[in-house]
Structure formats: structure tokens, C-alpha cells
Amino acid sequence: MAEYANAPYAQAAVAVAADGSVHHGKGVIDVKRTEAGRYSITLESHIDATRTVPQVTLNQSADWNGEVYTKIIDSSTIGVLTGANGSAADEPFFLLVP
């Protein structure tokens, strides 16, 4: 993982580039770009994703017609889908798990 993020009130937080690389994060073990616009974020074992309300937003360098969605996959994994103009597309985003 890249540089540690200062997010004192978050269980996990991560800044992800469009290619799936991590700029900085906290509470995240791994980020994988699984296909165009689809990312899988694995949280540290002490965080139960099924008991969280993850927040996700696009980075300002994303397409202005960009979209972003999040889904809890299982207790340790959160999925993020990004797109533009109604189609899946790689976009940079921020994920916060309060």
C-alpha cells in the first residue's frame, strides 16, 4: 500500500487512481481493478464491511459526466463501479468507511 492517510475518524479511507493504484490509504489491504470501471477494495480484518455505510466520490480529475457506485461484496470487500456517460470507465475516486 502507498502512503498512510490521516483519517482519524474513519475505519478505512483510500484515494484510488483510475488504473487502480493507491495514492494513500488507511485500513485497506488491497485495491484491484478487475475490469474497466470495476474495483475491489479489501479491508483490514478488524473492519466488517457488512456493518458499515461506505461513502464514495469521484476525484475532481474524473470525467464531468462521471458516475460512481459502491456495493458491499462481503464482510471484508467493497466493490466500486465507475463510469461516464452511462458506460463503465476507469475513473479516480475516494472511498471512506466511517
PDB file of N, CA and C in Angstrom:
ATOM      1  N   MET A   1       0.844  -1.170   0.000  1.00  0.00           N
ATOM      2  CA  MET A   1       0.000   0.000   0.000  1.00  0.00           C
ATOM      3  C   MET A   1       0.888   1.231   0.000  1.00  0.00           C
ATOM      4  N   ALA A   2       0.368   2.271  -0.580  1.00  0.00           N
ATOM      5  CA  ALA A   2       1.106   3.530  -0.664  1.00  0.00           C
ATOM      6  C   ALA A   2       1.099   4.242   0.696  1.00  0.00           C
ATOM      7  N   GLU A   3       1.391   5.491   0.680  1.00  0.00           N
ATOM      8  CA  GLU A   3       1.487   6.316   1.879  1.00  0.00           C
ATOM      9  C   GLU A   3       0.229   6.208   2.750  1.00  0.00           C
ATOM     10  N   TYR A   4       0.418   6.274   4.054  1.00  0.00           N
ATOM     11  CA  TYR A   4      -0.664   6.204   5.033  1.00  0.00           C
ATOM     12  C   TYR A   4      -1.490   7.487   4.984  1.00  0.00           C
ATOM     13  N   ALA A   5      -2.823   7.364   5.043  1.00  0.00           N
ATOM     14  CA  ALA A   5      -3.715   8.526   5.049  1.00  0.00           C
ATOM     15  C   ALA A   5      -4.044   8.933   6.473  1.00  0.00           C
ATOM     16  N   ASN A   6      -4.129  10.213   6.716  1.00  0.00           N
ATOM     17  CA  ASN A   6      -4.544  10.735   8.012  1.00  0.00           C
ATOM     18  C   ASN A   6      -6.058  10.910   7.981  1.00  0.00           C
ATOM     19  N   ALA A   7      -6.787   9.959   8.548  1.00  0.00           N
ATOM     20  CA  ALA A   7      -8.248  10.000   8.588  1.00  0.00           C
ATOM     21  C   ALA A   7      -8.676   9.526   9.977  1.00  0.00           C
ATOM     22  N   PRO A   8      -8.556  10.393  11.000  1.00  0.00           N
ATOM     23  CA  PRO A   8      -8.735   9.962  12.386  1.00  0.00           C
ATOM     24  C   PRO A   8     -10.118   9.416  12.739  1.00  0.00           C
ATOM     25  N   TYR A   9     -11.162   9.793  12.034  1.00  0.00           N
ATOM     26  CA  TYR A   9     -12.499   9.341  12.386  1.00  0.00           C
ATOM     27  C   TYR A   9     -13.034   8.283  11.420  1.00  0.00           C
ATOM     28  N   ALA A  10     -12.191   7.769  10.568  1.00  0.00           N
ATOM     29  CA  ALA A  10     -12.597   6.744   9.605  1.00  0.00           C
ATOM     30  C   ALA A  10     -11.957   5.408   9.964  1.00  0.00           C
ATOM     31  N   GLN A  11     -12.701   4.322   9.751  1.00  0.00           N
ATOM     32  CA  GLN A  11     -12.125   2.990   9.898  1.00  0.00           C
ATOM     33  C   GLN A  11     -11.183   2.710   8.734  1.00  0.00           C
ATOM     34  N   ALA A  12     -11.612   3.173   7.544  1.00  0.00           N
ATOM     35  CA  ALA A  12     -10.796   2.986   6.342  1.00  0.00           C
ATOM     36  C   ALA A  12     -11.036   4.156   5.405  1.00  0.00           C
ATOM     37  N   ALA A  13     -10.024   4.486   4.636  1.00  0.00           N
ATOM     38  CA  ALA A  13     -10.114   5.537   3.628  1.00  0.00           C
ATOM     39  C   ALA A  13      -9.040   5.262   2.587  1.00  0.00           C
ATOM     40  N   VAL A  14      -9.351   5.561   1.327  1.00  0.00           N
ATOM     41  CA  VAL A  14      -8.362   5.313   0.285  1.00  0.00           C
ATOM     42  C   VAL A  14      -8.603   6.250  -0.899  1.00  0.00           C
ATOM     43  N   ALA A  15      -7.510   6.717  -1.493  1.00  0.00           N
ATOM     44  CA  ALA A  15      -7.539   7.514  -2.713  1.00  0.00           C
ATOM     45  C   ALA A  15      -7.008   6.621  -3.828  1.00  0.00           C
ATOM     46  N   VAL A  16      -7.850   6.351  -4.826  1.00  0.00           N
ATOM     47  CA  VAL A  16      -7.521   5.391  -5.875  1.00  0.00           C
ATOM     48  C   VAL A  16      -7.449   6.091  -7.228  1.00  0.00           C
ATOM     49  N   ALA A  17      -6.390   5.822  -7.985  1.00  0.00           N
ATOM     50  CA  ALA A  17      -6.242   6.354  -9.337  1.00  0.00           C
ATOM     51  C   ALA A  17      -7.082   5.519 -10.299  1.00  0.00           C
ATOM     52  N   ALA A  18      -7.324   6.039 -11.481  1.00  0.00           N
ATOM     53  CA  ALA A  18      -8.144   5.347 -12.472  1.00  0.00           C
ATOM     54  C   ALA A  18      -7.613   3.950 -12.796  1.00  0.00           C
ATOM     55  N   ASP A  19      -6.296   3.761 -12.738  1.00  0.00           N
ATOM     56  CA  ASP A  19      -5.715   2.449 -13.046  1.00  0.00           C
ATOM     57  C   ASP A  19      -5.742   1.479 -11.860  1.00  0.00           C
ATOM     58  N   GLY A  20      -6.312   1.926 -10.728  1.00  0.00           N
ATOM     59  CA  GLY A  20      -6.403   1.075  -9.545  1.00  0.00           C
ATOM     60  C   GLY A  20      -5.255   1.231  -8.571  1.00  0.00           C
ATOM     61  N   SER A  21      -4.268   2.037  -8.912  1.00  0.00           N
ATOM     62  CA  SER A  21      -3.163   2.249  -7.977  1.00  0.00           C
ATOM     63  C   SER A  21      -3.626   3.151  -6.830  1.00  0.00           C
ATOM     64  N   VAL A  22      -3.008   2.957  -5.672  1.00  0.00           N
ATOM     65  CA  VAL A  22      -3.403   3.679  -4.465  1.00  0.00           C
ATOM     66  C   VAL A  22      -2.431   4.820  -4.209  1.00  0.00           C
ATOM     67  N   HIS A  23      -2.967   6.039  -4.012  1.00  0.00           N
ATOM     68  CA  HIS A  23      -2.132   7.186  -3.669  1.00  0.00           C
ATOM     69  C   HIS A  23      -1.816   7.170  -2.172  1.00  0.00           C
ATOM     70  N   HIS A  24      -2.828   6.985  -1.355  1.00  0.00           N
ATOM     71  CA  HIS A  24      -2.658   6.841   0.088  1.00  0.00           C
ATOM     72  C   HIS A  24      -3.924   6.231   0.662  1.00  0.00           C
ATOM     73  N   GLY A  25      -3.782   5.600   1.799  1.00  0.00           N
ATOM     74  CA  GLY A  25      -4.941   4.947   2.387  1.00  0.00           C
ATOM     75  C   GLY A  25      -4.726   4.554   3.831  1.00  0.00           C
ATOM     76  N   LYS A  26      -5.792   4.045   4.425  1.00  0.00           N
ATOM     77  CA  LYS A  26      -5.794   3.619   5.823  1.00  0.00           C
ATOM     78  C   LYS A  26      -6.838   2.516   5.938  1.00  0.00           C
ATOM     79  N   GLY A  27      -6.515   1.418   6.610  1.00  0.00           N
ATOM     80  CA  GLY A  27      -7.474   0.352   6.838  1.00  0.00           C
ATOM     81  C   GLY A  27      -7.780  -0.498   5.622  1.00  0.00           C
ATOM     82  N   VAL A  28      -6.989  -0.341   4.579  1.00  0.00           N
ATOM     83  CA  VAL A  28      -7.197  -1.066   3.326  1.00  0.00           C
ATOM     84  C   VAL A  28      -5.991  -1.955   3.059  1.00  0.00           C
ATOM     85  N   ILE A  29      -6.241  -3.225   2.784  1.00  0.00           N
ATOM     86  CA  ILE A  29      -5.164  -4.170   2.490  1.00  0.00           C
ATOM     87  C   ILE A  29      -4.793  -4.145   1.016  1.00  0.00           C
ATOM     88  N   ASP A  30      -5.834  -4.077   0.137  1.00  0.00           N
ATOM     89  CA  ASP A  30      -5.576  -4.209  -1.295  1.00  0.00           C
ATOM     90  C   ASP A  30      -6.668  -3.523  -2.104  1.00  0.00           C
ATOM     91  N   VAL A  31      -6.284  -3.003  -3.260  1.00  0.00           N
ATOM     92  CA  VAL A  31      -7.221  -2.463  -4.239  1.00  0.00           C
ATOM     93  C   VAL A  31      -6.869  -3.099  -5.570  1.00  0.00           C
ATOM     94  N   LYS A  32      -7.872  -3.664  -6.238  1.00  0.00           N
ATOM     95  CA  LYS A  32      -7.661  -4.278  -7.556  1.00  0.00           C
ATOM     96  C   LYS A  32      -8.652  -3.712  -8.545  1.00  0.00           C
ATOM     97  N   ARG A  33      -8.165  -3.360  -9.714  1.00  0.00           N
ATOM     98  CA  ARG A  33      -9.041  -3.011 -10.833  1.00  0.00           C
ATOM     99  C   ARG A  33      -9.327  -4.336 -11.533  1.00  0.00           C
ATOM    100  N   THR A  34     -10.568  -4.804 -11.488  1.00  0.00           N
ATOM    101  CA  THR A  34     -10.895  -6.127 -12.009  1.00  0.00           C
ATOM    102  C   THR A  34     -11.275  -6.104 -13.490  1.00  0.00           C
ATOM    103  N   GLU A  35     -11.812  -4.987 -13.946  1.00  0.00           N
ATOM    104  CA  GLU A  35     -12.095  -4.750 -15.361  1.00  0.00           C
ATOM    105  C   GLU A  35     -12.429  -3.273 -15.501  1.00  0.00           C
ATOM    106  N   ALA A  36     -12.731  -2.811 -16.682  1.00  0.00           N
ATOM    107  CA  ALA A  36     -12.982  -1.384 -16.901  1.00  0.00           C
ATOM    108  C   ALA A  36     -14.016  -0.864 -15.919  1.00  0.00           C
ATOM    109  N   GLY A  37     -13.617   0.123 -15.120  1.00  0.00           N
ATOM    110  CA  GLY A  37     -14.521   0.775 -14.189  1.00  0.00           C
ATOM    111  C   GLY A  37     -14.927  -0.038 -12.974  1.00  0.00           C
ATOM    112  N   ARG A  38     -14.332  -1.188 -12.767  1.00  0.00           N
ATOM    113  CA  ARG A  38     -14.684  -2.040 -11.612  1.00  0.00           C
ATOM    114  C   ARG A  38     -13.463  -2.245 -10.723  1.00  0.00           C
ATOM    115  N   TYR A  39     -13.670  -1.986  -9.435  1.00  0.00           N
ATOM    116  CA  TYR A  39     -12.590  -2.075  -8.456  1.00  0.00           C
ATOM    117  C   TYR A  39     -13.058  -2.881  -7.255  1.00  0.00           C
ATOM    118  N   SER A  40     -12.148  -3.627  -6.673  1.00  0.00           N
ATOM    119  CA  SER A  40     -12.412  -4.418  -5.473  1.00  0.00           C
ATOM    120  C   SER A  40     -11.470  -3.934  -4.386  1.00  0.00           C
ATOM    121  N   ILE A  41     -12.041  -3.509  -3.256  1.00  0.00           N
ATOM    122  CA  ILE A  41     -11.251  -2.989  -2.149  1.00  0.00           C
ATOM    123  C   ILE A  41     -11.358  -3.954  -0.975  1.00  0.00           C
ATOM    124  N   THR A  42     -10.221  -4.484  -0.533  1.00  0.00           N
ATOM    125  CA  THR A  42     -10.182  -5.401   0.610  1.00  0.00           C
ATOM    126  C   THR A  42      -9.775  -4.624   1.847  1.00  0.00           C
ATOM    127  N   LEU A  43     -10.609  -4.728   2.886  1.00  0.00           N
ATOM    128  CA  LEU A  43     -10.371  -4.010   4.137  1.00  0.00           C
ATOM    129  C   LEU A  43      -9.569  -4.858   5.114  1.00  0.00           C
ATOM    130  N   GLU A  44      -8.957  -4.199   6.095  1.00  0.00           N
ATOM    131  CA  GLU A  44      -8.249  -4.920   7.151  1.00  0.00           C
ATOM    132  C   GLU A  44      -9.249  -5.794   7.902  1.00  0.00           C
ATOM    133  N   SER A  45      -8.764  -6.883   8.492  1.00  0.00           N
ATOM    134  CA  SER A  45      -9.624  -7.914   9.084  1.00  0.00           C
ATOM    135  C   SER A  45     -10.502  -7.427  10.238  1.00  0.00           C
ATOM    136  N   HIS A  46     -10.119  -6.375  10.932  1.00  0.00           N
ATOM    137  CA  HIS A  46     -10.921  -5.891  12.055  1.00  0.00           C
ATOM    138  C   HIS A  46     -12.118  -5.042  11.611  1.00  0.00           C
ATOM    139  N   ILE A  47     -12.247  -4.753  10.320  1.00  0.00           N
ATOM    140  CA  ILE A  47     -13.353  -3.953   9.800  1.00  0.00           C
ATOM    141  C   ILE A  47     -14.356  -4.888   9.116  1.00  0.00           C
ATOM    142  N   ASP A  48     -15.596  -4.874   9.584  1.00  0.00           N
ATOM    143  CA  ASP A  48     -16.655  -5.683   8.995  1.00  0.00           C
ATOM    144  C   ASP A  48     -17.451  -4.809   8.032  1.00  0.00           C
ATOM    145  N   ALA A  49     -17.216  -4.980   6.748  1.00  0.00           N
ATOM    146  CA  ALA A  49     -17.860  -4.146   5.727  1.00  0.00           C
ATOM    147  C   ALA A  49     -19.379  -4.221   5.788  1.00  0.00           C
ATOM    148  N   THR A  50     -19.926  -5.354   6.204  1.00  0.00           N
ATOM    149  CA  THR A  50     -21.383  -5.517   6.239  1.00  0.00           C
ATOM    150  C   THR A  50     -22.034  -4.648   7.320  1.00  0.00           C
ATOM    151  N   ARG A  51     -21.231  -4.094   8.204  1.00  0.00           N
ATOM    152  CA  ARG A  51     -21.766  -3.242   9.274  1.00  0.00           C
ATOM    153  C   ARG A  51     -21.377  -1.771   9.068  1.00  0.00           C
ATOM    154  N   THR A  52     -21.014  -1.420   7.831  1.00  0.00           N
ATOM    155  CA  THR A  52     -20.598  -0.055   7.526  1.00  0.00           C
ATOM    156  C   THR A  52     -21.524   0.577   6.489  1.00  0.00           C
ATOM    157  N   VAL A  53     -21.356   1.861   6.312  1.00  0.00           N
ATOM    158  CA  VAL A  53     -22.060   2.607   5.259  1.00  0.00           C
ATOM    159  C   VAL A  53     -20.974   3.337   4.455  1.00  0.00           C
ATOM    160  N   PRO A  54     -20.371   2.652   3.482  1.00  0.00           N
ATOM    161  CA  PRO A  54     -19.257   3.249   2.736  1.00  0.00           C
ATOM    162  C   PRO A  54     -19.705   4.449   1.900  1.00  0.00           C
ATOM    163  N   GLN A  55     -18.833   5.429   1.839  1.00  0.00           N
ATOM    164  CA  GLN A  55     -19.077   6.635   1.049  1.00  0.00           C
ATOM    165  C   GLN A  55     -18.018   6.693  -0.048  1.00  0.00           C
ATOM    166  N   VAL A  56     -18.444   6.965  -1.266  1.00  0.00           N
ATOM    167  CA  VAL A  56     -17.508   7.036  -2.385  1.00  0.00           C
ATOM    168  C   VAL A  56     -17.821   8.266  -3.228  1.00  0.00           C
ATOM    169  N   THR A  57     -16.768   8.915  -3.708  1.00  0.00           N
ATOM    170  CA  THR A  57     -16.932  10.084  -4.566  1.00  0.00           C
ATOM    171  C   THR A  57     -15.820  10.099  -5.603  1.00  0.00           C
ATOM    172  N   LEU A  58     -16.108  10.673  -6.748  1.00  0.00           N
ATOM    173  CA  LEU A  58     -15.089  10.781  -7.794  1.00  0.00           C
ATOM    174  C   LEU A  58     -14.093  11.879  -7.450  1.00  0.00           C
ATOM    175  N   ASN A  59     -12.862  11.690  -7.863  1.00  0.00           N
ATOM    176  CA  ASN A  59     -11.825  12.700  -7.767  1.00  0.00           C
ATOM    177  C   ASN A  59     -12.170  13.808  -8.768  1.00  0.00           C
ATOM    178  N   GLN A  60     -11.762  15.028  -8.503  1.00  0.00           N
ATOM    179  CA  GLN A  60     -12.095  16.134  -9.410  1.00  0.00           C
ATOM    180  C   GLN A  60     -11.500  15.983 -10.806  1.00  0.00           C
ATOM    181  N   SER A  61     -10.519  15.113 -10.983  1.00  0.00           N
ATOM    182  CA  SER A  61      -9.960  14.908 -12.323  1.00  0.00           C
ATOM    183  C   SER A  61     -10.762  13.891 -13.144  1.00  0.00           C
ATOM    184  N   ALA A  62     -11.844  13.341 -12.567  1.00  0.00           N
ATOM    185  CA  ALA A  62     -12.699  12.395 -13.289  1.00  0.00           C
ATOM    186  C   ALA A  62     -13.513  13.128 -14.354  1.00  0.00           C
ATOM    187  N   ASP A  63     -14.076  12.373 -15.270  1.00  0.00           N
ATOM    188  CA  ASP A  63     -14.954  12.910 -16.309  1.00  0.00           C
ATOM    189  C   ASP A  63     -16.116  13.659 -15.651  1.00  0.00           C
ATOM    190  N   TRP A  64     -16.458  14.834 -16.181  1.00  0.00           N
ATOM    191  CA  TRP A  64     -17.543  15.630 -15.593  1.00  0.00           C
ATOM    192  C   TRP A  64     -18.894  14.941 -15.723  1.00  0.00           C
ATOM    193  N   ASN A  65     -19.018  14.003 -16.614  1.00  0.00           N
ATOM    194  CA  ASN A  65     -20.238  13.205 -16.740  1.00  0.00           C
ATOM    195  C   ASN A  65     -20.071  11.868 -16.030  1.00  0.00           C
ATOM    196  N   GLY A  66     -19.126  11.814 -15.100  1.00  0.00           N
ATOM    197  CA  GLY A  66     -18.794  10.572 -14.406  1.00  0.00           C
ATOM    198  C   GLY A  66     -19.852  10.141 -13.402  1.00  0.00           C
ATOM    199  N   GLU A  67     -19.836   8.838 -13.133  1.00  0.00           N
ATOM    200  CA  GLU A  67     -20.731   8.235 -12.152  1.00  0.00           C
ATOM    201  C   GLU A  67     -19.903   7.309 -11.278  1.00  0.00           C
ATOM    202  N   VAL A  68     -20.355   7.129 -10.039  1.00  0.00           N
ATOM    203  CA  VAL A  68     -19.661   6.216  -9.142  1.00  0.00           C
ATOM    204  C   VAL A  68     -20.688   5.563  -8.217  1.00  0.00           C
ATOM    205  N   TYR A  69     -20.518   4.265  -8.005  1.00  0.00           N
ATOM    206  CA  TYR A  69     -21.418   3.482  -7.159  1.00  0.00           C
ATOM    207  C   TYR A  69     -20.583   2.563  -6.282  1.00  0.00           C
ATOM    208  N   THR A  70     -21.141   2.185  -5.149  1.00  0.00           N
ATOM    209  CA  THR A  70     -20.441   1.266  -4.260  1.00  0.00           C
ATOM    210  C   THR A  70     -21.371   0.151  -3.834  1.00  0.00           C
ATOM    211  N   LYS A  71     -20.792  -0.994  -3.522  1.00  0.00           N
ATOM    212  CA  LYS A  71     -21.554  -2.165  -3.109  1.00  0.00           C
ATOM    213  C   LYS A  71     -20.717  -2.961  -2.116  1.00  0.00           C
ATOM    214  N   ILE A  72     -21.353  -3.432  -1.061  1.00  0.00           N
ATOM    215  CA  ILE A  72     -20.655  -4.303  -0.115  1.00  0.00           C
ATOM    216  C   ILE A  72     -20.721  -5.714  -0.676  1.00  0.00           C
ATOM    217  N   ILE A  73     -19.559  -6.298  -0.941  1.00  0.00           N
ATOM    218  CA  ILE A  73     -19.482  -7.635  -1.534  1.00  0.00           C
ATOM    219  C   ILE A  73     -19.587  -8.705  -0.455  1.00  0.00           C
ATOM    220  N   ASP A  74     -18.785  -8.564   0.596  1.00  0.00           N
ATOM    221  CA  ASP A  74     -18.824  -9.482   1.735  1.00  0.00           C
ATOM    222  C   ASP A  74     -18.230  -8.758   2.935  1.00  0.00           C
ATOM    223  N   SER A  75     -17.964  -9.468   4.008  1.00  0.00           N
ATOM    224  CA  SER A  75     -17.515  -8.809   5.245  1.00  0.00           C
ATOM    225  C   SER A  75     -16.170  -8.098   5.125  1.00  0.00           C
ATOM    226  N   SER A  76     -15.376  -8.439   4.123  1.00  0.00           N
ATOM    227  CA  SER A  76     -14.063  -7.801   4.001  1.00  0.00           C
ATOM    228  C   SER A  76     -13.861  -7.056   2.686  1.00  0.00           C
ATOM    229  N   THR A  77     -14.868  -7.036   1.821  1.00  0.00           N
ATOM    230  CA  THR A  77     -14.676  -6.476   0.482  1.00  0.00           C
ATOM    231  C   THR A  77     -15.772  -5.497   0.091  1.00  0.00           C
ATOM    232  N   ILE A  78     -15.350  -4.361  -0.453  1.00  0.00           N
ATOM    233  CA  ILE A  78     -16.264  -3.363  -1.000  1.00  0.00           C
ATOM    234  C   ILE A  78     -15.953  -3.220  -2.481  1.00  0.00           C
ATOM    235  N   GLY A  79     -16.999  -3.204  -3.290  1.00  0.00           N
ATOM    236  CA  GLY A  79     -16.842  -3.003  -4.723  1.00  0.00           C
ATOM    237  C   GLY A  79     -17.181  -1.572  -5.086  1.00  0.00           C
ATOM    238  N   VAL A  80     -16.474  -1.038  -6.073  1.00  0.00           N
ATOM    239  CA  VAL A  80     -16.745   0.302  -6.590  1.00  0.00           C
ATOM    240  C   VAL A  80     -16.845   0.195  -8.104  1.00  0.00           C
ATOM    241  N   LEU A  81     -17.891   0.827  -8.665  1.00  0.00           N
ATOM    242  CA  LEU A  81     -18.099   0.874 -10.107  1.00  0.00           C
ATOM    243  C   LEU A  81     -18.047   2.330 -10.530  1.00  0.00           C
ATOM    244  N   THR A  82     -17.197   2.641 -11.507  1.00  0.00           N
ATOM    245  CA  THR A  82     -17.112   3.998 -12.035  1.00  0.00           C
ATOM    246  C   THR A  82     -17.451   3.968 -13.515  1.00  0.00           C
ATOM    247  N   GLY A  83     -17.919   5.098 -14.006  1.00  0.00           N
ATOM    248  CA  GLY A  83     -18.262   5.173 -15.420  1.00  0.00           C
ATOM    249  C   GLY A  83     -18.441   6.609 -15.855  1.00  0.00           C
ATOM    250  N   ALA A  84     -18.744   6.756 -17.130  1.00  0.00           N
ATOM    251  CA  ALA A  84     -19.011   8.067 -17.711  1.00  0.00           C
ATOM    252  C   ALA A  84     -19.993   7.886 -18.858  1.00  0.00           C
ATOM    253  N   ASN A  85     -20.960   8.771 -18.923  1.00  0.00           N
ATOM    254  CA  ASN A  85     -21.951   8.749 -19.997  1.00  0.00           C
ATOM    255  C   ASN A  85     -22.682   7.418 -20.106  1.00  0.00           C
ATOM    256  N   GLY A  86     -22.957   6.776 -18.962  1.00  0.00           N
ATOM    257  CA  GLY A  86     -23.729   5.543 -18.950  1.00  0.00           C
ATOM    258  C   GLY A  86     -22.960   4.271 -19.241  1.00  0.00           C
ATOM    259  N   SER A  87     -21.642   4.351 -19.374  1.00  0.00           N
ATOM    260  CA  SER A  87     -20.818   3.171 -19.644  1.00  0.00           C
ATOM    261  C   SER A  87     -19.707   3.057 -18.607  1.00  0.00           C
ATOM    262  N   ALA A  88     -19.328   1.829 -18.298  1.00  0.00           N
ATOM    263  CA  ALA A  88     -18.215   1.617 -17.368  1.00  0.00           C
ATOM    264  C   ALA A  88     -16.951   2.258 -17.930  1.00  0.00           C
ATOM    265  N   ALA A  89     -16.235   2.963 -17.077  1.00  0.00           N
ATOM    266  CA  ALA A  89     -14.981   3.615 -17.473  1.00  0.00           C
ATOM    267  C   ALA A  89     -14.125   3.796 -16.234  1.00  0.00           C
ATOM    268  N   ASP A  90     -12.829   3.703 -16.403  1.00  0.00           N
ATOM    269  CA  ASP A  90     -11.894   3.893 -15.294  1.00  0.00           C
ATOM    270  C   ASP A  90     -11.877   5.367 -14.889  1.00  0.00           C
ATOM    271  N   GLU A  91     -12.159   5.617 -13.614  1.00  0.00           N
ATOM    272  CA  GLU A  91     -12.156   6.979 -13.076  1.00  0.00           C
ATOM    273  C   GLU A  91     -11.508   6.959 -11.696  1.00  0.00           C
ATOM    274  N   PRO A  92     -10.799   8.016 -11.318  1.00  0.00           N
ATOM    275  CA  PRO A  92     -10.212   8.091  -9.977  1.00  0.00           C
ATOM    276  C   PRO A  92     -11.283   8.407  -8.940  1.00  0.00           C
ATOM    277  N   PHE A  93     -11.122   7.846  -7.731  1.00  0.00           N
ATOM    278  CA  PHE A  93     -12.140   8.063  -6.706  1.00  0.00           C
ATOM    279  C   PHE A  93     -11.546   8.006  -5.310  1.00  0.00           C
ATOM    280  N   PHE A  94     -12.362   8.435  -4.340  1.00  0.00           N
ATOM    281  CA  PHE A  94     -12.053   8.351  -2.926  1.00  0.00           C
ATOM    282  C   PHE A  94     -13.113   7.468  -2.267  1.00  0.00           C
ATOM    283  N   LEU A  95     -12.687   6.576  -1.388  1.00  0.00           N
ATOM    284  CA  LEU A  95     -13.608   5.747  -0.623  1.00  0.00           C
ATOM    285  C   LEU A  95     -13.360   6.004   0.859  1.00  0.00           C
ATOM    286  N   LEU A  96     -14.443   6.197   1.605  1.00  0.00           N
ATOM    287  CA  LEU A  96     -14.357   6.421   3.045  1.00  0.00           C
ATOM    288  C   LEU A  96     -15.291   5.433   3.726  1.00  0.00           C
ATOM    289  N   VAL A  97     -14.797   4.750   4.753  1.00  0.00           N
ATOM    290  CA  VAL A  97     -15.606   3.852   5.555  1.00  0.00           C
ATOM    291  C   VAL A  97     -15.612   4.432   6.966  1.00  0.00           C
ATOM    292  N   PRO A  98     -16.727   5.111   7.338  1.00  0.00           N
ATOM    293  CA  PRO A  98     -16.778   5.755   8.657  1.00  0.00           C
ATOM    294  C   PRO A  98     -16.795   4.743   9.800  1.00  0.00           C
TER     295      PRO A  98
END
